[in-house]
Amino acid sequence: MKKTPLHTQVIIGLILGTVYAFFAVKFDWVRFTIDYINPFGDIFINLLKLIAVPLVLFSIISGVISLQDVSKLGRMGLKTLAAYLLTTMFAVSLGLLLVNIFKPGEKVNDTLRKENRISYELWRDANPNVQRLDDICLSCDEANKQLVEQVVQRSDELSNDWVADKLNKADNKKKSGPLQALVDVVPSNIFKSLTSMAMLQIIFFAIFFGIVMVRLPKETREPVARLIDGLNEVFIKMVWAVMKAMPVFVFALMAGQIVKAAGTDPDKFIELLAFLGWYSMVVVAGLLLMTFVVYPIIVRLVTGKKIDSFLSGIRDAQITAFSTSSSVATLPVTMDCIQNKIGVSKPITSFVLPIGATVNMDGTSLYQAVAVVAMAQFHMIDLTIAQQLIIIITATLASIGAAAVPSAGLVLMIIVLESVGLNPAWIAIIFPVDRILDMCRTVVNVTGDATVSTIIAKSENQLNDPQNPNL
């Protein structure tokens, strides 16, 4: 009897988890689900993160060592960053195009929109310097608290502490100096960076370590290189050990997240349902276009690889990304798909993909662009062309610093909101549907990583037919 493919098992797990969540809400199994089913989903995410962090470290070091020529590393690094930057800017632009065409924020009750506009004006009165980009108040003042209190009535899961935490994180980011981002890349303690999952610092250390190793004498370098390659293989095997139980973990993950979002009252979001529905459809439409149209066409035009071959090759990575909502957690599966099914060489895979999992957030950027404009429309605010250009620039740059973990885009959206003078507390409005959209946009992030790695491999003449490696 032929064994059911893993991706089919995972899809079944997703569907069963969703069906179970519906009955859990309907028959009030919420407490049981959160206490006894959701923890297994958390265990799944933790296991993948446990493996992914050392895998990033050892795979990048291994990739740099295998390149041998440091000058090749610099050339390939520049091409990689340029490709990621261009795809991110395109994703933001596509999001703005769609949100301006469909205008999801205007397809709701005018009375509600007028109330929202009044709340916005009250907030602006309490923040007279809001339009000054270098002096935007991010404190949770009385006007913000009033808005938060209105949203809390619609969602028991949301709290002032949650919004205040997001605002404080953005405030810290805003107060830093112009070169603070560069300072943050260089770790003072690599062990601290590993435990805190500071991916840019880990990548910096790995590249630095690899460059120094390449310059060592062969007899000194080879024992260390063999150790690193061996450790890399161990962590890859650990991933596939976890993958065998993935369908069960995915069931628990889906059931737990949906139940936590819906709570005991399926109708509690009724006032926002129309807006959230239209907003979600526009976001998903943009993400689907990027995943199944833009990326495959780019791969076809640049590399000549067939569209169906590319999409089938990265299918397992896309499903894992949808399940985990984390580019880093998906990284081991992405690397396997790109190397063994697409035909990208190991040096390219080991170097390009870990960087992409950290700095390439096309889906996150697209979602931020749609969300900011949609919420402006929802509050009867028309953003100018200049303001939307600012959104493109800010969302692109902010995505580079996004942690490759679930819902990291919410924190960065605060920066995008404030860049055009909008209330950062509005992130509370889209919170109820963020988890589902986060799953979708992670698929785009991972597909973008796969696209760029395939393009870079072609440019370096390291793209082979996985069925015939000699070609």
Protein backbone atom coordinates (compact mmCIF):
# COMPACT_ATOMS: atom_id res chain seq x y z
CA MET A 1 0.00 0.00 0.00
CA LYS A 2 1.40 3.37 -1.04
CA LYS A 3 2.17 5.68 1.88
CA THR A 4 0.34 9.01 2.01
CA PRO A 5 2.82 11.85 1.24
CA LEU A 6 3.81 14.06 4.15
CA HIS A 7 2.34 17.22 2.61
CA THR A 8 -1.02 15.45 2.19
CA GLN A 9 -0.93 14.36 5.82
CA VAL A 10 -0.18 17.94 6.88
CA ILE A 11 -3.09 19.32 4.85
CA ILE A 12 -5.37 16.75 6.48
CA GLY A 13 -4.07 17.88 9.87
CA LEU A 14 -4.80 21.52 8.98
CA ILE A 15 -8.36 20.70 7.91
CA LEU A 16 -9.09 18.51 10.94
CA GLY A 17 -7.67 21.16 13.25
CA THR A 18 -9.94 23.81 11.73
CA VAL A 19 -13.02 21.55 11.94
CA TYR A 20 -12.23 20.66 15.53
CA ALA A 21 -11.81 24.36 16.42
CA PHE A 22 -15.29 25.10 15.04
CA PHE A 23 -16.89 22.47 17.29
CA ALA A 24 -14.69 23.51 20.22
CA VAL A 25 -16.07 27.06 20.03
CA LYS A 26 -19.62 25.88 19.39
CA PHE A 27 -19.72 23.40 22.30
CA ASP A 28 -17.44 25.37 24.64
CA TRP A 29 -14.41 23.06 24.65
CA VAL A 30 -12.20 26.15 24.75
CA ARG A 31 -10.55 25.53 28.13
CA PHE A 32 -9.83 21.88 27.29
CA THR A 33 -8.36 22.84 23.91
CA ILE A 34 -6.11 25.55 25.32
CA ASP A 35 -4.93 23.39 28.23
CA TYR A 36 -4.45 20.00 26.54
CA ILE A 37 -4.25 20.45 22.75
CA ASN A 38 -2.64 23.84 22.10
CA PRO A 39 0.55 22.99 24.10
CA PHE A 40 1.49 20.37 21.48
CA GLY A 41 1.42 23.09 18.83
CA ASP A 42 3.73 25.18 21.00
CA ILE A 43 6.03 22.18 21.41
CA PHE A 44 6.20 21.85 17.62
CA ILE A 45 7.24 25.49 17.17
CA ASN A 46 9.79 25.20 19.98
CA LEU A 47 11.32 22.07 18.48
CA LEU A 48 11.77 23.70 15.09
CA LYS A 49 13.28 26.82 16.63
CA LEU A 50 15.58 24.65 18.74
CA ILE A 51 16.93 23.06 15.59
CA ALA A 52 16.76 26.07 13.28
CA VAL A 53 19.09 28.39 15.22
CA PRO A 54 22.16 26.10 15.30
CA LEU A 55 21.31 24.99 11.76
CA VAL A 56 21.54 28.61 10.57
CA LEU A 57 24.90 28.98 12.32
CA PHE A 58 26.48 25.81 10.99
CA SER A 59 24.95 25.97 7.50
CA ILE A 60 26.25 29.50 6.85
CA ILE A 61 29.71 28.63 8.14
CA SER A 62 29.68 25.51 5.97
CA GLY A 63 28.50 27.53 2.96
CA VAL A 64 31.22 30.18 3.38
CA ILE A 65 33.92 27.52 3.78
CA SER A 66 32.77 25.69 0.66
CA LEU A 67 33.03 28.90 -1.39
CA GLN A 68 36.79 29.00 -0.72
CA ASP A 69 37.17 32.35 -2.54
CA VAL A 70 36.26 35.27 -0.25
CA SER A 71 35.81 37.61 -3.24
CA LYS A 72 33.06 35.31 -4.52
CA LEU A 73 31.35 35.66 -1.13
CA GLY A 74 31.23 39.45 -1.44
CA ARG A 75 29.87 39.33 -4.99
CA MET A 76 27.22 36.78 -4.13
CA GLY A 77 26.27 38.64 -0.95
CA LEU A 78 25.62 41.87 -2.86
CA LYS A 79 23.53 40.08 -5.47
CA THR A 80 21.54 38.34 -2.75
CA LEU A 81 20.73 41.53 -0.83
CA ALA A 82 19.89 43.41 -4.05
CA ALA A 83 17.49 40.65 -5.15
CA TYR A 84 15.78 40.55 -1.76
CA LEU A 85 15.42 44.34 -1.71
CA LEU A 86 13.86 44.46 -5.19
CA THR A 87 11.33 41.69 -4.48
CA THR A 88 10.35 43.39 -1.21
CA MET A 89 9.76 46.75 -2.89
CA PHE A 90 7.69 45.05 -5.58
CA ALA A 91 5.57 43.29 -2.92
CA VAL A 92 4.87 46.57 -1.11
CA SER A 93 3.94 48.28 -4.38
CA LEU A 94 1.60 45.43 -5.30
CA GLY A 95 -0.08 45.68 -1.90
CA LEU A 96 -0.64 49.42 -2.32
CA LEU A 97 -2.04 48.89 -5.81
CA LEU A 98 -4.59 46.34 -4.61
CA VAL A 99 -5.68 48.27 -1.51
CA ASN A 100 -6.24 51.42 -3.59
CA ILE A 101 -8.26 49.51 -6.19
CA PHE A 102 -10.53 47.56 -3.81
CA LYS A 103 -10.60 50.06 -0.89
CA PRO A 104 -11.51 47.53 1.86
CA GLY A 105 -11.70 50.23 4.53
CA GLU A 106 -14.57 51.98 2.75
CA LYS A 107 -16.82 48.93 2.48
CA VAL A 108 -18.24 49.28 5.99
CA ASN A 109 -20.95 51.22 7.79
CA ASP A 110 -20.40 54.99 7.49
CA THR A 111 -21.50 55.55 11.08
CA LEU A 112 -18.70 53.33 12.34
CA ARG A 113 -16.20 55.09 10.08
CA LYS A 114 -17.29 58.49 11.39
CA GLU A 115 -16.86 57.30 14.97
CA ASN A 116 -13.39 56.08 14.06
CA ARG A 117 -12.54 59.44 12.47
CA ILE A 118 -13.61 61.23 15.66
CA SER A 119 -11.33 58.94 17.69
CA TYR A 120 -8.49 59.71 15.30
CA GLU A 121 -9.04 63.48 15.60
CA LEU A 122 -9.03 63.20 19.39
CA TRP A 123 -5.75 61.35 19.20
CA ARG A 124 -4.28 63.98 16.87
CA ASP A 125 -5.35 66.76 19.28
CA ALA A 126 -3.54 64.93 22.07
CA ASN A 127 -0.47 64.51 19.82
CA PRO A 128 0.14 67.92 18.17
CA ASN A 129 3.53 66.85 16.76
CA VAL A 130 2.24 63.68 15.16
CA GLN A 131 3.24 64.66 11.60
CA ARG A 132 6.85 65.39 12.52
CA LEU A 133 8.60 62.17 11.57
CA ASP A 134 11.47 62.79 14.01
CA ASP A 135 9.25 63.53 17.00
CA ILE A 136 6.24 61.24 17.07
CA CYS A 137 4.73 60.48 20.46
CA LEU A 138 4.40 56.75 20.98
CA SER A 139 3.18 56.90 24.57
CA CYS A 140 -0.11 55.29 25.42
CA ASP A 141 -1.91 58.55 26.30
CA GLU A 142 -5.56 58.99 27.28
CA ALA A 143 -6.79 59.16 23.66
CA ASN A 144 -4.95 55.93 22.85
CA LYS A 145 -6.38 54.27 25.95
CA GLN A 146 -9.90 55.25 24.94
CA LEU A 147 -9.41 53.67 21.53
CA VAL A 148 -7.89 50.56 23.08
CA GLU A 149 -10.80 50.25 25.50
CA GLN A 150 -13.24 50.25 22.56
CA VAL A 151 -11.34 47.44 20.90
CA VAL A 152 -11.06 45.46 24.13
CA GLN A 153 -14.85 45.22 24.16
CA ARG A 154 -14.61 43.30 20.86
CA SER A 155 -11.84 40.91 21.91
CA ASP A 156 -11.32 39.33 25.33
CA GLU A 157 -7.86 38.23 24.23
CA LEU A 158 -6.66 41.82 23.72
CA SER A 159 -5.39 43.93 26.62
CA ASN A 160 -3.92 47.36 27.24
CA ASP A 161 -0.73 45.63 28.37
CA TRP A 162 -0.46 43.88 24.98
CA VAL A 163 -0.79 47.14 23.03
CA ALA A 164 1.46 49.00 25.46
CA ASP A 165 4.12 46.32 25.01
CA LYS A 166 4.03 46.75 21.22
CA LEU A 167 4.18 50.53 21.57
CA ASN A 168 7.14 50.36 23.95
CA LYS A 169 9.07 48.11 21.57
CA ALA A 170 8.50 50.51 18.71
CA ASP A 171 9.38 53.44 20.95
CA ASN A 172 12.75 51.89 21.78
CA LYS A 173 13.39 51.28 18.09
CA LYS A 174 12.45 54.87 17.21
CA LYS A 175 14.72 56.44 19.84
CA SER A 176 17.84 54.67 18.64
CA GLY A 177 20.44 56.53 16.58
CA PRO A 178 20.75 56.39 12.78
CA LEU A 179 23.52 53.77 12.90
CA GLN A 180 22.01 51.71 15.72
CA ALA A 181 20.84 49.08 13.23
CA LEU A 182 24.46 48.58 12.18
CA VAL A 183 25.61 48.35 15.79
CA ASP A 184 22.93 45.77 16.55
CA VAL A 185 24.24 43.47 13.82
CA VAL A 186 27.58 42.97 15.64
CA PRO A 187 27.13 40.73 18.72
CA SER A 188 28.99 41.28 21.96
CA ASN A 189 28.21 37.76 23.12
CA ILE A 190 27.44 35.05 20.55
CA PHE A 191 25.94 32.75 23.19
CA LYS A 192 23.48 35.48 24.17
CA SER A 193 22.66 36.00 20.48
CA LEU A 194 21.97 32.28 20.08
CA THR A 195 19.67 32.10 23.10
CA SER A 196 17.77 35.25 22.11
CA MET A 197 17.51 34.18 18.42
CA ALA A 198 19.16 37.42 17.23
CA MET A 199 19.43 36.13 13.68
CA LEU A 200 21.35 39.03 12.12
CA GLN A 201 24.00 38.73 14.83
CA ILE A 202 24.20 34.97 14.31
CA ILE A 203 24.61 35.45 10.56
CA PHE A 204 27.32 38.08 11.10
CA PHE A 205 29.24 35.73 13.41
CA ALA A 206 28.84 32.78 11.02
CA ILE A 207 30.12 34.75 8.01
CA PHE A 208 33.00 36.20 10.04
CA PHE A 209 33.88 32.76 11.37
CA GLY A 210 33.73 31.22 7.89
CA ILE A 211 35.89 33.94 6.29
CA VAL A 212 38.58 33.49 8.92
CA MET A 213 38.46 29.71 8.49
CA VAL A 214 38.96 30.00 4.73
CA ARG A 215 42.19 31.91 5.36
CA LEU A 216 43.61 29.27 7.73
CA PRO A 217 46.11 26.64 6.52
CA LYS A 218 44.44 23.55 5.06
CA GLU A 219 45.66 21.20 7.79
CA THR A 220 44.18 23.50 10.47
CA ARG A 221 40.94 24.18 8.62
CA GLU A 222 39.88 20.68 7.54
CA PRO A 223 39.22 19.09 10.99
CA VAL A 224 37.02 22.05 11.99
CA ALA A 225 35.25 21.99 8.61
CA ARG A 226 34.47 18.27 9.01
CA LEU A 227 33.09 18.90 12.50
CA ILE A 228 30.84 21.72 11.26
CA ASP A 229 29.59 19.65 8.31
CA GLY A 230 28.87 16.77 10.68
CA LEU A 231 26.94 18.98 13.09
CA ASN A 232 25.00 20.45 10.17
CA GLU A 233 23.96 16.96 9.05
CA VAL A 234 22.90 16.04 12.60
CA PHE A 235 20.54 19.01 12.83
CA ILE A 236 19.09 18.25 9.39
CA LYS A 237 18.32 14.69 10.54
CA MET A 238 16.72 16.10 13.69
CA VAL A 239 14.39 18.17 11.51
CA TRP A 240 13.17 15.15 9.63
CA ALA A 241 12.65 13.27 12.88
CA VAL A 242 10.30 16.06 13.97
CA MET A 243 8.65 16.18 10.52
CA LYS A 244 7.39 12.61 10.91
CA ALA A 245 5.03 13.82 13.64
CA MET A 246 4.22 17.07 11.87
CA PRO A 247 0.57 16.25 10.94
CA VAL A 248 -0.32 15.73 14.61
CA PHE A 249 1.52 18.88 15.69
CA VAL A 250 -0.19 20.89 12.95
CA PHE A 251 -3.62 19.69 14.09
CA ALA A 252 -2.86 20.94 17.60
CA LEU A 253 -1.41 24.21 16.32
CA MET A 254 -4.42 25.06 14.14
CA ALA A 255 -7.00 24.02 16.74
CA GLY A 256 -5.33 26.00 19.51
CA GLN A 257 -4.78 29.20 17.55
CA ILE A 258 -8.31 29.38 16.11
CA VAL A 259 -9.91 28.68 19.48
CA LYS A 260 -7.79 31.35 21.19
CA ALA A 261 -8.78 33.91 18.54
CA ALA A 262 -12.51 33.13 18.62
CA GLY A 263 -12.93 32.54 22.35
CA THR A 264 -16.37 31.49 23.57
CA ASP A 265 -18.37 33.99 21.52
CA PRO A 266 -18.09 33.53 17.71
CA ASP A 267 -20.01 36.77 17.17
CA LYS A 268 -17.89 39.07 19.32
CA PHE A 269 -16.13 40.58 16.29
CA ILE A 270 -19.37 41.32 14.47
CA GLU A 271 -18.85 45.12 14.35
CA LEU A 272 -15.48 44.69 12.66
CA LEU A 273 -16.39 41.65 10.60
CA ALA A 274 -17.06 43.50 7.35
CA PHE A 275 -13.82 45.49 7.51
CA LEU A 276 -11.70 42.52 8.61
CA GLY A 277 -13.24 40.35 5.89
CA TRP A 278 -12.54 42.79 3.05
CA TYR A 279 -9.11 43.64 4.44
CA SER A 280 -8.19 39.96 4.73
CA MET A 281 -9.35 39.22 1.19
CA VAL A 282 -7.18 42.00 -0.26
CA VAL A 283 -4.14 40.82 1.72
CA VAL A 284 -4.65 37.19 0.69
CA ALA A 285 -5.18 38.20 -2.95
CA GLY A 286 -1.85 40.03 -2.96
CA LEU A 287 -0.09 37.13 -1.24
CA LEU A 288 -1.53 34.62 -3.71
CA LEU A 289 -0.39 36.74 -6.66
CA MET A 290 3.14 36.92 -5.27
CA THR A 291 3.28 33.18 -4.50
CA PHE A 292 1.70 31.65 -7.58
CA VAL A 293 2.19 34.30 -10.28
CA VAL A 294 5.04 36.76 -9.61
CA TYR A 295 7.69 34.44 -8.18
CA PRO A 296 7.16 31.53 -10.60
CA ILE A 297 7.25 33.90 -13.59
CA ILE A 298 10.49 35.48 -12.32
CA VAL A 299 12.04 32.02 -11.91
CA ARG A 300 10.85 31.00 -15.37
CA LEU A 301 12.21 34.12 -17.07
CA VAL A 302 15.58 34.15 -15.28
CA THR A 303 16.38 30.45 -14.94
CA GLY A 304 14.17 28.73 -17.52
CA LYS A 305 12.80 26.35 -14.88
CA LYS A 306 9.18 25.33 -15.45
CA ILE A 307 6.61 26.96 -13.19
CA ASP A 308 4.97 23.70 -12.10
CA SER A 309 8.38 22.18 -11.38
CA PHE A 310 9.36 25.11 -9.17
CA LEU A 311 6.08 25.17 -7.24
CA SER A 312 6.01 21.41 -6.68
CA GLY A 313 9.63 21.52 -5.55
CA ILE A 314 8.95 23.99 -2.74
CA ARG A 315 5.52 22.66 -1.76
CA ASP A 316 6.66 21.05 1.49
CA ALA A 317 8.38 24.28 2.56
CA GLN A 318 5.23 26.30 1.79
CA ILE A 319 3.04 23.96 3.82
CA THR A 320 5.47 24.06 6.73
CA ALA A 321 5.59 27.87 6.53
CA PHE A 322 1.79 28.03 6.61
CA SER A 323 1.71 25.75 9.65
CA THR A 324 4.44 27.44 11.70
CA SER A 325 4.17 31.12 10.67
CA SER A 326 7.96 31.32 11.03
CA SER A 327 10.56 31.58 8.28
CA VAL A 328 13.29 30.44 10.66
CA ALA A 329 11.31 27.44 11.88
CA THR A 330 10.66 26.51 8.23
CA LEU A 331 14.29 27.02 7.19
CA PRO A 332 15.42 23.38 7.50
CA VAL A 333 12.59 22.21 5.23
CA THR A 334 13.21 25.08 2.78
CA MET A 335 16.88 24.19 2.53
CA ASP A 336 16.07 20.55 1.81
CA CYS A 337 13.52 21.45 -0.88
CA ILE A 338 15.78 23.96 -2.62
CA GLN A 339 18.81 21.69 -2.61
CA ASN A 340 17.25 18.32 -3.37
CA LYS A 341 14.16 19.21 -5.42
CA ILE A 342 15.04 22.49 -7.15
CA GLY A 343 18.71 21.65 -7.69
CA VAL A 344 20.42 24.62 -6.05
CA SER A 345 23.95 23.76 -4.90
CA LYS A 346 24.69 23.35 -1.19
CA PRO A 347 26.98 26.43 -0.95
CA ILE A 348 24.26 28.68 -2.39
CA THR A 349 21.55 27.08 -0.26
CA SER A 350 23.60 27.36 2.92
CA PHE A 351 24.43 31.02 2.32
CA VAL A 352 21.37 32.59 0.65
CA LEU A 353 18.46 30.94 2.49
CA PRO A 354 19.47 31.73 6.10
CA ILE A 355 19.98 35.37 5.13
CA GLY A 356 16.60 35.38 3.38
CA ALA A 357 14.87 33.92 6.44
CA THR A 358 16.11 36.95 8.37
CA VAL A 359 15.99 39.94 5.99
CA ASN A 360 13.52 38.94 3.24
CA MET A 361 9.96 39.60 4.39
CA ASP A 362 8.02 40.19 1.16
CA GLY A 363 4.75 38.88 2.58
CA THR A 364 5.13 40.93 5.74
CA SER A 365 5.84 44.10 3.74
CA LEU A 366 2.84 43.58 1.45
CA TYR A 367 0.57 43.00 4.43
CA GLN A 368 1.85 46.13 6.18
CA ALA A 369 1.14 48.28 3.12
CA VAL A 370 -2.40 46.93 2.76
CA ALA A 371 -3.11 47.18 6.49
CA VAL A 372 -1.93 50.77 6.90
CA VAL A 373 -3.90 52.12 3.93
CA ALA A 374 -6.97 50.01 4.77
CA MET A 375 -7.01 51.30 8.35
CA ALA A 376 -6.64 54.87 7.06
CA GLN A 377 -9.65 54.27 4.80
CA PHE A 378 -11.51 52.74 7.76
CA HIS A 379 -10.99 56.04 9.62
CA MET A 380 -12.01 58.19 6.61
CA ILE A 381 -8.44 59.35 5.97
CA ASP A 382 -7.09 59.77 2.44
CA LEU A 383 -3.35 59.19 2.16
CA THR A 384 -1.54 61.21 -0.50
CA ILE A 385 0.77 59.73 -3.14
CA ALA A 386 3.73 61.12 -1.20
CA GLN A 387 2.57 59.39 1.98
CA GLN A 388 2.14 56.10 0.13
CA LEU A 389 5.67 56.42 -1.25
CA ILE A 390 6.82 56.83 2.34
CA ILE A 391 4.98 53.59 3.15
CA ILE A 392 6.91 51.78 0.39
CA ILE A 393 10.25 52.97 1.74
CA THR A 394 9.41 52.46 5.42
CA ALA A 395 7.83 49.01 4.98
CA THR A 396 10.79 47.85 2.89
CA LEU A 397 13.38 49.02 5.41
CA ALA A 398 11.35 47.88 8.43
CA SER A 399 10.98 44.38 7.00
CA ILE A 400 14.77 43.95 7.07
CA GLY A 401 14.66 44.11 10.86
CA ALA A 402 11.65 41.83 11.25
CA ALA A 403 12.25 38.80 13.42
CA ALA A 404 11.43 35.62 11.50
CA VAL A 405 8.91 34.55 14.13
CA PRO A 406 5.09 34.61 14.24
CA SER A 407 3.40 38.05 14.21
CA ALA A 408 6.66 40.04 14.28
CA GLY A 409 5.13 42.29 11.59
CA LEU A 410 2.72 43.80 14.12
CA VAL A 411 5.53 45.56 15.97
CA LEU A 412 7.04 46.87 12.75
CA MET A 413 3.65 48.07 11.53
CA ILE A 414 3.73 50.66 14.31
CA ILE A 415 6.72 52.27 12.62
CA VAL A 416 4.94 52.26 9.25
CA LEU A 417 1.78 53.75 10.78
CA GLU A 418 3.65 56.55 12.49
CA SER A 419 5.67 57.31 9.35
CA VAL A 420 2.49 58.71 7.78
CA GLY A 421 1.08 60.26 10.96
CA LEU A 422 -1.43 57.54 11.90
CA ASN A 423 -2.25 56.16 15.34
CA PRO A 424 0.04 53.19 16.21
CA ALA A 425 -2.60 51.78 18.56
CA TRP A 426 -4.61 50.76 15.48
CA ILE A 427 -2.71 47.50 15.40
CA ALA A 428 -5.32 46.39 17.93
CA ILE A 429 -8.02 46.57 15.25
CA ILE A 430 -6.50 43.92 12.97
CA PHE A 431 -5.26 41.68 15.78
CA PRO A 432 -8.17 39.18 15.59
CA VAL A 433 -7.24 38.02 12.05
CA ASP A 434 -3.49 38.55 12.26
CA ARG A 435 -2.61 34.95 13.10
CA ILE A 436 -4.33 33.53 10.01
CA LEU A 437 -2.84 36.20 7.73
CA ASP A 438 0.56 35.64 9.35
CA MET A 439 0.41 32.02 8.20
CA CYS A 440 -0.31 33.17 4.64
CA ARG A 441 2.36 35.85 4.48
CA THR A 442 5.02 33.46 5.82
CA VAL A 443 4.37 31.31 2.75
CA VAL A 444 5.24 34.34 0.60
CA ASN A 445 8.38 35.03 2.64
CA VAL A 446 9.60 31.46 2.18
CA THR A 447 8.67 31.38 -1.52
CA GLY A 448 10.59 34.63 -2.00
CA ASP A 449 13.63 33.07 -0.33
CA ALA A 450 13.37 30.09 -2.67
CA THR A 451 13.04 32.36 -5.72
CA VAL A 452 16.10 34.45 -4.89
CA SER A 453 18.24 31.40 -4.05
CA THR A 454 17.31 29.83 -7.41
CA ILE A 455 18.18 33.05 -9.27
CA ILE A 456 21.50 33.42 -7.45
CA ALA A 457 22.36 29.78 -8.17
CA LYS A 458 21.66 30.35 -11.88
CA SER A 459 23.85 33.46 -11.92
CA GLU A 460 26.67 31.52 -10.27
CA ASN A 461 26.19 28.52 -12.59
CA GLN A 462 25.26 26.32 -9.62
CA LEU A 463 21.72 25.33 -10.58
CA ASN A 464 21.41 21.66 -11.51
CA ASP A 465 18.69 19.24 -12.46
CA PRO A 466 17.98 17.37 -9.18
CA GLN A 467 17.15 14.26 -11.23
CA ASN A 468 20.52 14.48 -12.99
CA PRO A 469 23.08 16.43 -10.88
CA ASN A 470 25.67 16.28 -13.67
CA LEU A 471 23.57 18.50 -15.95
